[in-house]
Amino acid sequence: MSDGKSGYKKVNGLNMYFEIHGSGKPLLLLHGQFATASMFYPILPELTHHRQVVLIEQQGHGHTADIDRPLSFAQMGQDTAELLRQLGITGADVFGYSGGGTVALQLAKSNPQLIRKLALASTVYSMDGYFPYIVEGLKHASAEAFPSQMKQEYERVAPHPENWPKLIAKGAQMANKSNKEDFLEPAQLQQITLPVLLIIGDNDIIRPEYAHEMAKLLRTKPVVVTGDHASYITNQPQSLLDHLIKFFEFPVN
């Protein structure tokens, strides 16, 4: 996408990548684990009609080179907060997908003043939100197990394209550690007072009853869209876009 501006900021030891598209109130998009910011390109044109859209890439993901520290959702939350400060962004609307939703929850827990509204898609606040076979898959993740387009997208933009297996291995380490600080307790979810939109695919890898429980803790109701864990963004995003536009109260151009 060449219509916006992109760059890097020095953040907690990282050379952290960001893109800014469009103008208006800020809307931050947080990508899923092992993905790049380009996963949002299918919905970007519609969103930039209404907002200044900020895309970022976390440690070891996309353009942001890895450094010698473990992957951690809590750390990604801190990195994200610091990047927003450096960009002079407060009161942003935030849309986090999958692992990016878990990062968004960290942001809401520790830096709620940076957020106006919070949309979470296919998000968990603890590992047991996934079906058990997914948890096992994450703990024993191998580079071959992921869709080839994820690897291609990584290799297209990563400063060290050969590090795809390393990223997967670090993700597996994180899943096995299940650090307490990487996830939230139910009581901490209840302390989040921001308006929340919670989205799940009707063929997702999240347990539906967990999504309903989570929605209750966040004082909202889950919205179910047609699709598996990713297709409602990549292949058929209109339903998702309708919900986001309504929730974030986009001005009509």
Foldseek 3Di string as FASTA:
>chain_A
DPQWDKAFDCFPNKRKIKTKAAADAEEEEFEAALAAQCLQVLVVVVVNVFHTYMYIAFACFFAIDHDPDFDFLLVRLRRVVVVCVVVVAAQHAYEYAASRLLNVLSVLLPPVRRHQAYEYENYDQALVQFDVVVLVCLLVPALVPDDVVSLVSRLVGYPDSVCSRVSSVSSNVCSVVRDPSRGDDLVSLLVRQHHYAYEYEPAERGDVVNSQVSQVSNVHGYDYDHDYSRCCNNPPVPVVSVVVCVVVVGDDD
